[in-house]
Amino acid sequence: MKKLFMAAILAVTSIAANAQLWAGGQAGFSTGEVRGIKYTSFNILPEIGYSLNENWDIAMLIGDEYTKVKHADALNAFVVNPYVRYTFAKVGKVGFFIDGGFKIKTGDFYDSTFDKSYVDETAWGIGIQPGVKFAATDKLTLVAKLGNLGYTSVDDDHAFGFDANGNALSFGAYFAF
């Protein structure tokens, strides 16, 4: 029985030493203008991921996004964003990557201009995001993403484009187990 217990401890320790699973999250902030309407948006998205190898990761962000439109309109949405990450270049502790994924968000939109009511709204998108990561320690990695190339759909509005400006910047960090 002692040998079996020691073998189990050794197996668990060796699996933990290879640090495949990671958890963390990101916080994002953007501001901009669409069709002459100014908006401000922020999100808090906890994240869990798994490193398949040195270049490939799979992960999922789940959290909340809040968008405030000028003249008191607001959208508070639940967000689910599974993605795959490919790290294509590394220089020391810095890695450059592209995330490709699918995002869906659903929530309540408060319309203050017309009937002052809440309307359910669902949006989805698919796209890629470039980013950079910095391995601060063996366990802690800092991440920044800028922009998006993809397609989005909100009810009857659809858009395809490339957004690579400072208005679409997000920061994150994760801890490897």
N, C-alpha and C. Protein backbone atom coordinates (compact mmCIF):
# COMPACT_ATOMS: atom_id res chain seq x y z
N MET A 1 0.83 -1.20 0.00
CA MET A 1 0.00 0.00 0.00
C MET A 1 0.87 1.26 0.00
N LYS A 2 1.97 1.23 0.79
CA LYS A 2 2.87 2.38 0.83
C LYS A 2 3.46 2.66 -0.55
N LYS A 3 3.85 1.60 -1.26
CA LYS A 3 4.46 1.77 -2.58
C LYS A 3 3.45 2.36 -3.57
N LEU A 4 2.22 1.93 -3.49
CA LEU A 4 1.19 2.47 -4.37
C LEU A 4 0.95 3.95 -4.09
N PHE A 5 0.89 4.32 -2.82
CA PHE A 5 0.71 5.71 -2.42
C PHE A 5 1.88 6.57 -2.91
N MET A 6 3.10 6.11 -2.75
CA MET A 6 4.28 6.86 -3.19
C MET A 6 4.30 6.98 -4.72
N ALA A 7 3.88 5.94 -5.42
CA ALA A 7 3.83 6.00 -6.88
C ALA A 7 2.80 7.04 -7.33
N ALA A 8 1.66 7.12 -6.65
CA ALA A 8 0.64 8.11 -6.99
C ALA A 8 1.15 9.52 -6.75
N ILE A 9 1.85 9.76 -5.65
CA ILE A 9 2.43 11.08 -5.36
C ILE A 9 3.45 11.46 -6.43
N LEU A 10 4.30 10.52 -6.82
CA LEU A 10 5.30 10.77 -7.85
C LEU A 10 4.64 11.10 -9.19
N ALA A 11 3.57 10.39 -9.54
CA ALA A 11 2.86 10.65 -10.80
C ALA A 11 2.24 12.04 -10.81
N VAL A 12 1.57 12.43 -9.73
CA VAL A 12 0.95 13.75 -9.64
C VAL A 12 2.01 14.86 -9.70
N THR A 13 3.12 14.67 -9.02
CA THR A 13 4.20 15.66 -9.02
C THR A 13 4.79 15.82 -10.42
N SER A 14 5.00 14.74 -11.14
CA SER A 14 5.59 14.84 -12.47
C SER A 14 4.63 15.51 -13.46
N ILE A 15 3.32 15.26 -13.32
CA ILE A 15 2.35 15.93 -14.19
C ILE A 15 2.32 17.43 -13.91
N ALA A 16 2.35 17.83 -12.65
CA ALA A 16 2.33 19.24 -12.29
C ALA A 16 3.59 19.95 -12.75
N ALA A 17 4.72 19.26 -12.81
CA ALA A 17 5.98 19.88 -13.21
C ALA A 17 5.96 20.28 -14.68
N ASN A 18 5.13 19.66 -15.51
CA ASN A 18 5.10 19.98 -16.93
C ASN A 18 4.18 21.15 -17.27
N ALA A 19 3.48 21.72 -16.33
CA ALA A 19 2.70 22.95 -16.45
C ALA A 19 1.94 23.08 -17.77
N GLN A 20 0.96 22.25 -17.99
CA GLN A 20 0.17 22.29 -19.21
C GLN A 20 -1.07 23.19 -19.07
N LEU A 21 -1.68 23.21 -17.91
CA LEU A 21 -2.91 23.93 -17.67
C LEU A 21 -2.59 25.32 -17.13
N TRP A 22 -3.35 26.33 -17.60
CA TRP A 22 -3.15 27.68 -17.09
C TRP A 22 -4.48 28.39 -16.92
N ALA A 23 -4.49 29.35 -16.02
CA ALA A 23 -5.70 30.13 -15.74
C ALA A 23 -5.31 31.57 -15.51
N GLY A 24 -6.20 32.46 -15.82
CA GLY A 24 -5.94 33.89 -15.65
C GLY A 24 -7.12 34.67 -16.15
N GLY A 25 -6.83 35.66 -16.97
CA GLY A 25 -7.91 36.46 -17.51
C GLY A 25 -7.41 37.72 -18.15
N GLN A 26 -8.35 38.50 -18.62
CA GLN A 26 -8.00 39.77 -19.24
C GLN A 26 -9.03 40.81 -18.90
N ALA A 27 -8.60 42.02 -18.99
CA ALA A 27 -9.49 43.17 -18.86
C ALA A 27 -9.26 44.03 -20.09
N GLY A 28 -10.32 44.48 -20.69
CA GLY A 28 -10.20 45.27 -21.90
C GLY A 28 -10.97 46.56 -21.81
N PHE A 29 -10.54 47.53 -22.60
CA PHE A 29 -11.20 48.82 -22.65
C PHE A 29 -11.13 49.32 -24.09
N SER A 30 -12.23 49.83 -24.60
CA SER A 30 -12.21 50.43 -25.93
C SER A 30 -13.17 51.60 -25.97
N THR A 31 -12.87 52.51 -26.86
CA THR A 31 -13.72 53.65 -27.09
C THR A 31 -13.68 53.95 -28.58
N GLY A 32 -14.77 54.41 -29.13
CA GLY A 32 -14.78 54.67 -30.56
C GLY A 32 -16.09 55.27 -31.00
N GLU A 33 -16.30 55.22 -32.33
CA GLU A 33 -17.49 55.80 -32.92
C GLU A 33 -17.94 54.92 -34.07
N VAL A 34 -19.24 54.57 -34.07
CA VAL A 34 -19.84 53.80 -35.14
C VAL A 34 -21.04 54.57 -35.67
N ARG A 35 -21.04 54.87 -36.95
CA ARG A 35 -22.13 55.63 -37.58
C ARG A 35 -22.43 56.93 -36.83
N GLY A 36 -21.40 57.60 -36.37
CA GLY A 36 -21.56 58.87 -35.67
C GLY A 36 -21.95 58.75 -34.21
N ILE A 37 -22.06 57.53 -33.69
CA ILE A 37 -22.44 57.33 -32.29
C ILE A 37 -21.22 56.90 -31.50
N LYS A 38 -20.86 57.68 -30.49
CA LYS A 38 -19.69 57.37 -29.66
C LYS A 38 -20.05 56.33 -28.60
N TYR A 39 -19.08 55.45 -28.30
CA TYR A 39 -19.30 54.42 -27.30
C TYR A 39 -18.04 54.21 -26.47
N THR A 40 -18.23 53.63 -25.30
CA THR A 40 -17.15 53.20 -24.43
C THR A 40 -17.50 51.80 -23.94
N SER A 41 -16.51 50.91 -23.95
CA SER A 41 -16.76 49.52 -23.58
C SER A 41 -15.63 49.00 -22.71
N PHE A 42 -15.97 48.15 -21.74
CA PHE A 42 -14.93 47.46 -20.99
C PHE A 42 -15.41 46.04 -20.69
N ASN A 43 -14.44 45.16 -20.45
CA ASN A 43 -14.78 43.78 -20.15
C ASN A 43 -13.85 43.20 -19.10
N ILE A 44 -14.34 42.22 -18.40
CA ILE A 44 -13.56 41.43 -17.45
C ILE A 44 -13.86 39.97 -17.81
N LEU A 45 -12.81 39.27 -18.26
CA LEU A 45 -12.99 37.93 -18.79
C LEU A 45 -12.01 36.94 -18.17
N PRO A 46 -12.44 36.16 -17.18
CA PRO A 46 -11.59 35.08 -16.67
C PRO A 46 -11.31 34.08 -17.80
N GLU A 47 -10.16 33.43 -17.71
CA GLU A 47 -9.71 32.57 -18.81
C GLU A 47 -9.09 31.29 -18.27
N ILE A 48 -9.32 30.19 -18.98
CA ILE A 48 -8.65 28.94 -18.66
C ILE A 48 -8.16 28.35 -19.98
N GLY A 49 -6.95 27.78 -19.94
CA GLY A 49 -6.39 27.26 -21.17
C GLY A 49 -5.50 26.05 -20.94
N TYR A 50 -5.11 25.44 -22.04
CA TYR A 50 -4.27 24.26 -22.00
C TYR A 50 -3.24 24.37 -23.11
N SER A 51 -1.97 24.19 -22.77
CA SER A 51 -0.89 24.21 -23.75
C SER A 51 -0.73 22.83 -24.35
N LEU A 52 -0.98 22.73 -25.64
CA LEU A 52 -0.84 21.45 -26.33
C LEU A 52 0.63 21.13 -26.58
N ASN A 53 1.39 22.16 -26.93
CA ASN A 53 2.84 22.04 -27.11
C ASN A 53 3.43 23.45 -27.02
N GLU A 54 4.64 23.64 -27.46
CA GLU A 54 5.31 24.94 -27.34
C GLU A 54 4.64 26.04 -28.18
N ASN A 55 3.97 25.66 -29.26
CA ASN A 55 3.39 26.66 -30.17
C ASN A 55 1.87 26.76 -30.12
N TRP A 56 1.18 25.74 -29.68
CA TRP A 56 -0.29 25.71 -29.75
C TRP A 56 -0.92 25.64 -28.36
N ASP A 57 -1.96 26.48 -28.17
CA ASP A 57 -2.77 26.50 -26.95
C ASP A 57 -4.23 26.50 -27.35
N ILE A 58 -5.08 25.96 -26.49
CA ILE A 58 -6.52 26.12 -26.62
C ILE A 58 -7.01 26.74 -25.32
N ALA A 59 -8.00 27.62 -25.42
CA ALA A 59 -8.45 28.32 -24.21
C ALA A 59 -9.87 28.82 -24.39
N MET A 60 -10.43 29.31 -23.29
CA MET A 60 -11.76 29.88 -23.30
C MET A 60 -11.83 31.03 -22.31
N LEU A 61 -12.39 32.14 -22.79
CA LEU A 61 -12.70 33.29 -21.96
C LEU A 61 -14.21 33.27 -21.68
N ILE A 62 -14.58 33.51 -20.43
CA ILE A 62 -15.99 33.60 -20.06
C ILE A 62 -16.12 34.76 -19.09
N GLY A 63 -17.02 35.69 -19.38
CA GLY A 63 -17.14 36.81 -18.47
C GLY A 63 -18.20 37.81 -18.85
N ASP A 64 -17.96 39.07 -18.50
CA ASP A 64 -18.94 40.13 -18.65
C ASP A 64 -18.35 41.28 -19.45
N GLU A 65 -19.18 41.87 -20.30
CA GLU A 65 -18.79 43.04 -21.09
C GLU A 65 -19.86 44.10 -20.95
N TYR A 66 -19.44 45.32 -20.75
CA TYR A 66 -20.36 46.43 -20.59
C TYR A 66 -20.03 47.49 -21.63
N THR A 67 -21.03 47.95 -22.38
CA THR A 67 -20.84 48.99 -23.38
C THR A 67 -21.80 50.13 -23.10
N LYS A 68 -21.26 51.32 -23.05
CA LYS A 68 -22.06 52.53 -22.79
C LYS A 68 -22.03 53.38 -24.06
N VAL A 69 -23.20 53.69 -24.57
CA VAL A 69 -23.33 54.50 -25.76
C VAL A 69 -23.75 55.90 -25.34
N LYS A 70 -23.22 56.90 -26.03
CA LYS A 70 -23.57 58.28 -25.72
C LYS A 70 -25.09 58.44 -25.69
N HIS A 71 -25.57 59.27 -24.83
CA HIS A 71 -27.00 59.53 -24.61
C HIS A 71 -27.66 58.42 -23.81
N ALA A 72 -26.87 57.75 -22.93
CA ALA A 72 -27.37 56.84 -21.89
C ALA A 72 -27.80 55.44 -22.33
N ASP A 73 -27.57 55.04 -23.58
CA ASP A 73 -27.86 53.66 -23.96
C ASP A 73 -26.75 52.76 -23.42
N ALA A 74 -27.08 51.54 -23.03
CA ALA A 74 -26.08 50.64 -22.44
C ALA A 74 -26.40 49.19 -22.79
N LEU A 75 -25.35 48.38 -22.91
CA LEU A 75 -25.48 46.95 -23.12
C LEU A 75 -24.61 46.24 -22.10
N ASN A 76 -25.22 45.38 -21.31
CA ASN A 76 -24.48 44.55 -20.37
C ASN A 76 -24.64 43.11 -20.86
N ALA A 77 -23.51 42.45 -21.21
CA ALA A 77 -23.60 41.16 -21.88
C ALA A 77 -22.71 40.10 -21.24
N PHE A 78 -23.17 38.87 -21.31
CA PHE A 78 -22.40 37.69 -20.93
C PHE A 78 -21.64 37.24 -22.17
N VAL A 79 -20.34 36.95 -22.02
CA VAL A 79 -19.47 36.64 -23.17
C VAL A 79 -18.86 35.26 -23.00
N VAL A 80 -18.86 34.48 -24.09
CA VAL A 80 -18.16 33.20 -24.17
C VAL A 80 -17.28 33.27 -25.42
N ASN A 81 -15.97 33.01 -25.25
CA ASN A 81 -15.03 33.16 -26.35
C ASN A 81 -13.99 32.04 -26.36
N PRO A 82 -14.30 30.87 -26.98
CA PRO A 82 -13.28 29.83 -27.13
C PRO A 82 -12.34 30.20 -28.27
N TYR A 83 -11.06 29.85 -28.13
CA TYR A 83 -10.10 30.18 -29.18
C TYR A 83 -8.93 29.22 -29.17
N VAL A 84 -8.17 29.27 -30.25
CA VAL A 84 -6.91 28.54 -30.37
C VAL A 84 -5.81 29.59 -30.60
N ARG A 85 -4.67 29.38 -29.99
CA ARG A 85 -3.55 30.33 -30.10
C ARG A 85 -2.36 29.64 -30.75
N TYR A 86 -1.80 30.31 -31.76
CA TYR A 86 -0.57 29.83 -32.39
C TYR A 86 0.54 30.84 -32.15
N THR A 87 1.58 30.41 -31.46
CA THR A 87 2.75 31.27 -31.22
C THR A 87 3.72 31.01 -32.36
N PHE A 88 3.91 32.03 -33.21
CA PHE A 88 4.71 31.85 -34.42
C PHE A 88 6.15 32.31 -34.30
N ALA A 89 6.48 33.08 -33.27
CA ALA A 89 7.87 33.54 -33.10
C ALA A 89 8.15 33.78 -31.62
N LYS A 90 9.38 33.47 -31.22
CA LYS A 90 9.81 33.71 -29.85
C LYS A 90 11.20 34.35 -29.87
N VAL A 91 11.34 35.36 -29.04
CA VAL A 91 12.63 36.02 -28.86
C VAL A 91 12.86 36.11 -27.35
N GLY A 92 13.68 35.22 -26.82
CA GLY A 92 13.89 35.17 -25.38
C GLY A 92 12.59 34.83 -24.66
N LYS A 93 12.17 35.72 -23.77
CA LYS A 93 10.95 35.50 -22.99
C LYS A 93 9.70 36.06 -23.67
N VAL A 94 9.85 36.65 -24.84
CA VAL A 94 8.75 37.28 -25.56
C VAL A 94 8.28 36.37 -26.70
N GLY A 95 6.97 36.18 -26.80
CA GLY A 95 6.39 35.39 -27.87
C GLY A 95 5.34 36.20 -28.62
N PHE A 96 5.29 36.01 -29.93
CA PHE A 96 4.31 36.69 -30.77
C PHE A 96 3.32 35.64 -31.26
N PHE A 97 2.02 35.95 -31.16
CA PHE A 97 1.01 34.95 -31.46
C PHE A 97 -0.16 35.53 -32.22
N ILE A 98 -1.01 34.62 -32.69
CA ILE A 98 -2.29 34.95 -33.30
C ILE A 98 -3.33 34.05 -32.66
N ASP A 99 -4.40 34.66 -32.16
CA ASP A 99 -5.54 33.92 -31.62
C ASP A 99 -6.63 33.87 -32.69
N GLY A 100 -7.20 32.71 -32.89
CA GLY A 100 -8.33 32.57 -33.79
C GLY A 100 -9.48 31.95 -33.02
N GLY A 101 -10.64 32.60 -33.07
CA GLY A 101 -11.72 32.06 -32.27
C GLY A 101 -13.09 32.54 -32.66
N PHE A 102 -14.03 32.14 -31.84
CA PHE A 102 -15.45 32.44 -32.02
C PHE A 102 -15.92 33.12 -30.74
N LYS A 103 -16.68 34.19 -30.87
CA LYS A 103 -17.18 34.91 -29.70
C LYS A 103 -18.69 35.05 -29.82
N ILE A 104 -19.37 34.78 -28.71
CA ILE A 104 -20.80 35.02 -28.65
C ILE A 104 -21.09 35.79 -27.37
N LYS A 105 -21.93 36.79 -27.48
CA LYS A 105 -22.33 37.53 -26.29
C LYS A 105 -23.82 37.81 -26.36
N THR A 106 -24.44 37.73 -25.20
CA THR A 106 -25.87 37.96 -25.11
C THR A 106 -26.16 38.76 -23.86
N GLY A 107 -27.11 39.66 -23.97
CA GLY A 107 -27.41 40.49 -22.82
C GLY A 107 -28.59 41.41 -23.07
N ASP A 108 -28.73 42.36 -22.17
CA ASP A 108 -29.82 43.32 -22.23
C ASP A 108 -29.30 44.66 -22.70
N PHE A 109 -29.98 45.22 -23.69
CA PHE A 109 -29.68 46.54 -24.21
C PHE A 109 -30.73 47.50 -23.69
N TYR A 110 -30.29 48.56 -23.04
CA TYR A 110 -31.22 49.57 -22.54
C TYR A 110 -31.28 50.71 -23.53
N ASP A 111 -32.45 50.93 -24.10
CA ASP A 111 -32.65 51.97 -25.11
C ASP A 111 -33.33 53.17 -24.44
N SER A 112 -32.57 54.24 -24.27
CA SER A 112 -33.12 55.41 -23.58
C SER A 112 -33.68 56.45 -24.54
N THR A 113 -33.44 56.28 -25.84
CA THR A 113 -33.88 57.32 -26.76
C THR A 113 -35.31 57.13 -27.25
N PHE A 114 -35.74 55.90 -27.42
CA PHE A 114 -37.08 55.68 -27.97
C PHE A 114 -38.09 55.29 -26.89
N ASP A 115 -38.11 54.04 -26.49
CA ASP A 115 -39.15 53.60 -25.57
C ASP A 115 -38.65 53.34 -24.15
N LYS A 116 -37.41 53.66 -23.86
CA LYS A 116 -36.83 53.52 -22.52
C LYS A 116 -37.09 52.13 -21.94
N SER A 117 -36.71 51.10 -22.70
CA SER A 117 -36.93 49.74 -22.26
C SER A 117 -35.69 48.88 -22.50
N TYR A 118 -35.71 47.68 -21.94
CA TYR A 118 -34.64 46.71 -22.13
C TYR A 118 -35.01 45.78 -23.28
N VAL A 119 -34.02 45.49 -24.12
CA VAL A 119 -34.21 44.60 -25.26
C VAL A 119 -33.12 43.55 -25.20
N ASP A 120 -33.49 42.27 -25.36
CA ASP A 120 -32.47 41.21 -25.42
C ASP A 120 -31.72 41.34 -26.74
N GLU A 121 -30.40 41.18 -26.66
CA GLU A 121 -29.57 41.29 -27.86
C GLU A 121 -28.52 40.19 -27.84
N THR A 122 -28.29 39.58 -29.00
CA THR A 122 -27.26 38.55 -29.13
C THR A 122 -26.35 38.94 -30.27
N ALA A 123 -25.06 38.85 -30.03
CA ALA A 123 -24.05 39.16 -31.05
C ALA A 123 -23.07 38.01 -31.12
N TRP A 124 -22.48 37.82 -32.30
CA TRP A 124 -21.46 36.80 -32.44
C TRP A 124 -20.43 37.28 -33.46
N GLY A 125 -19.28 36.67 -33.40
CA GLY A 125 -18.23 37.03 -34.33
C GLY A 125 -17.20 35.93 -34.42
N ILE A 126 -16.45 35.97 -35.49
CA ILE A 126 -15.36 35.04 -35.71
C ILE A 126 -14.20 35.85 -36.26
N GLY A 127 -12.98 35.55 -35.78
CA GLY A 127 -11.86 36.34 -36.26
C GLY A 127 -10.54 35.94 -35.65
N ILE A 128 -9.53 36.71 -35.99
CA ILE A 128 -8.19 36.51 -35.46
C ILE A 128 -7.71 37.80 -34.81
N GLN A 129 -6.86 37.63 -33.77
CA GLN A 129 -6.28 38.76 -33.05
C GLN A 129 -4.79 38.53 -32.91
N PRO A 130 -3.98 39.52 -33.30
CA PRO A 130 -2.54 39.41 -33.04
C PRO A 130 -2.25 39.81 -31.60
N GLY A 131 -1.15 39.28 -31.07
CA GLY A 131 -0.79 39.63 -29.70
C GLY A 131 0.65 39.30 -29.39
N VAL A 132 1.04 39.68 -28.19
CA VAL A 132 2.38 39.43 -27.68
C VAL A 132 2.26 38.94 -26.25
N LYS A 133 3.14 38.01 -25.87
CA LYS A 133 3.15 37.53 -24.49
C LYS A 133 4.56 37.58 -23.95
N PHE A 134 4.65 37.82 -22.64
CA PHE A 134 5.93 37.93 -21.96
C PHE A 134 5.94 36.97 -20.78
N ALA A 135 6.87 36.03 -20.79
CA ALA A 135 6.99 35.06 -19.69
C ALA A 135 7.76 35.73 -18.55
N ALA A 136 7.05 36.36 -17.62
CA ALA A 136 7.69 37.06 -16.51
C ALA A 136 8.43 36.09 -15.60
N THR A 137 7.83 34.92 -15.36
CA THR A 137 8.46 33.85 -14.59
C THR A 137 8.11 32.53 -15.28
N ASP A 138 8.52 31.41 -14.69
CA ASP A 138 8.15 30.11 -15.26
C ASP A 138 6.65 29.88 -15.20
N LYS A 139 5.98 30.51 -14.27
CA LYS A 139 4.54 30.28 -14.06
C LYS A 139 3.65 31.45 -14.51
N LEU A 140 4.18 32.68 -14.54
CA LEU A 140 3.39 33.88 -14.83
C LEU A 140 3.71 34.43 -16.21
N THR A 141 2.65 34.60 -17.04
CA THR A 141 2.79 35.16 -18.38
C THR A 141 1.86 36.36 -18.51
N LEU A 142 2.39 37.46 -19.05
CA LEU A 142 1.61 38.67 -19.32
C LEU A 142 1.29 38.71 -20.81
N VAL A 143 0.08 39.12 -21.15
CA VAL A 143 -0.40 39.06 -22.53
C VAL A 143 -1.02 40.40 -22.93
N ALA A 144 -0.81 40.82 -24.17
CA ALA A 144 -1.49 41.99 -24.73
C ALA A 144 -1.96 41.63 -26.14
N LYS A 145 -3.20 42.04 -26.45
CA LYS A 145 -3.77 41.81 -27.78
C LYS A 145 -4.21 43.16 -28.34
N LEU A 146 -4.02 43.31 -29.65
CA LEU A 146 -4.38 44.58 -30.29
C LEU A 146 -5.13 44.30 -31.57
N GLY A 147 -6.36 44.77 -31.64
CA GLY A 147 -7.11 44.69 -32.87
C GLY A 147 -7.84 43.39 -33.10
N ASN A 148 -8.42 43.29 -34.29
CA ASN A 148 -9.20 42.12 -34.68
C ASN A 148 -9.42 42.15 -36.19
N LEU A 149 -9.31 41.00 -36.81
CA LEU A 149 -9.67 40.83 -38.21
C LEU A 149 -10.76 39.78 -38.24
N GLY A 150 -11.96 40.17 -38.66
CA GLY A 150 -13.02 39.18 -38.63
C GLY A 150 -14.38 39.71 -39.01
N TYR A 151 -15.38 38.89 -38.72
CA TYR A 151 -16.77 39.15 -39.05
C TYR A 151 -17.57 39.20 -37.76
N THR A 152 -18.47 40.17 -37.65
CA THR A 152 -19.36 40.26 -36.49
C THR A 152 -20.80 40.45 -36.97
N SER A 153 -21.71 39.96 -36.15
CA SER A 153 -23.13 40.09 -36.45
C SER A 153 -23.88 40.42 -35.17
N VAL A 154 -24.66 41.50 -35.22
CA VAL A 154 -25.52 41.90 -34.11
C VAL A 154 -26.91 42.08 -34.69
N ASP A 155 -27.80 41.16 -34.35
CA ASP A 155 -29.16 41.16 -34.89
C ASP A 155 -29.10 41.29 -36.42
N ASP A 156 -29.57 42.39 -36.99
CA ASP A 156 -29.57 42.55 -38.45
C ASP A 156 -28.36 43.32 -38.98
N ASP A 157 -27.44 43.73 -38.12
CA ASP A 157 -26.24 44.45 -38.55
C ASP A 157 -25.08 43.49 -38.65
N HIS A 158 -24.34 43.55 -39.75
CA HIS A 158 -23.21 42.67 -39.99
C HIS A 158 -22.01 43.53 -40.39
N ALA A 159 -20.82 43.09 -40.00
CA ALA A 159 -19.62 43.85 -40.36
C ALA A 159 -18.44 42.91 -40.55
N PHE A 160 -17.59 43.23 -41.50
CA PHE A 160 -16.34 42.53 -41.71
C PHE A 160 -15.27 43.59 -41.77
N GLY A 161 -14.15 43.37 -41.07
CA GLY A 161 -13.12 44.38 -41.14
C GLY A 161 -11.89 44.05 -40.33
N PHE A 162 -10.95 44.97 -40.40
CA PHE A 162 -9.70 44.88 -39.68
C PHE A 162 -9.58 46.10 -38.79
N ASP A 163 -9.48 45.89 -37.49
CA ASP A 163 -9.39 46.97 -36.52
C ASP A 163 -8.09 46.82 -35.76
N ALA A 164 -7.10 47.63 -36.09
CA ALA A 164 -5.79 47.51 -35.43
C ALA A 164 -5.37 48.85 -34.87
N ASN A 165 -6.20 49.43 -34.03
CA ASN A 165 -5.83 50.70 -33.42
C ASN A 165 -5.87 50.56 -31.90
N GLY A 166 -5.43 51.57 -31.22
CA GLY A 166 -5.36 51.56 -29.77
C GLY A 166 -6.70 51.48 -29.08
N ASN A 167 -7.79 51.67 -29.82
CA ASN A 167 -9.12 51.57 -29.23
C ASN A 167 -9.54 50.13 -28.96
N ALA A 168 -8.80 49.16 -29.51
CA ALA A 168 -9.16 47.75 -29.35
C ALA A 168 -8.01 47.01 -28.67
N LEU A 169 -7.52 47.51 -27.56
CA LEU A 169 -6.39 46.96 -26.84
C LEU A 169 -6.87 46.24 -25.59
N SER A 170 -6.35 45.03 -25.34
CA SER A 170 -6.68 44.32 -24.11
C SER A 170 -5.42 43.75 -23.48
N PHE A 171 -5.42 43.66 -22.16
CA PHE A 171 -4.30 43.14 -21.41
C PHE A 171 -4.77 41.96 -20.58
N GLY A 172 -3.87 41.00 -20.37
CA GLY A 172 -4.22 39.85 -19.57
C GLY A 172 -2.99 39.25 -18.91
N ALA A 173 -3.23 38.31 -18.04
CA ALA A 173 -2.16 37.58 -17.37
C ALA A 173 -2.69 36.20 -17.06
N TYR A 174 -1.81 35.21 -17.06
CA TYR A 174 -2.23 33.90 -16.64
C TYR A 174 -1.12 33.18 -15.90
N PHE A 175 -1.54 32.24 -15.06
CA PHE A 175 -0.66 31.50 -14.20
C PHE A 175 -0.72 30.03 -14.58
N ALA A 176 0.43 29.42 -14.86
CA ALA A 176 0.49 28.01 -15.24
C ALA A 176 0.58 27.14 -14.00
N PHE A 177 -0.13 26.03 -14.02
CA PHE A 177 -0.13 25.09 -12.90
C PHE A 177 0.92 24.03 -13.09
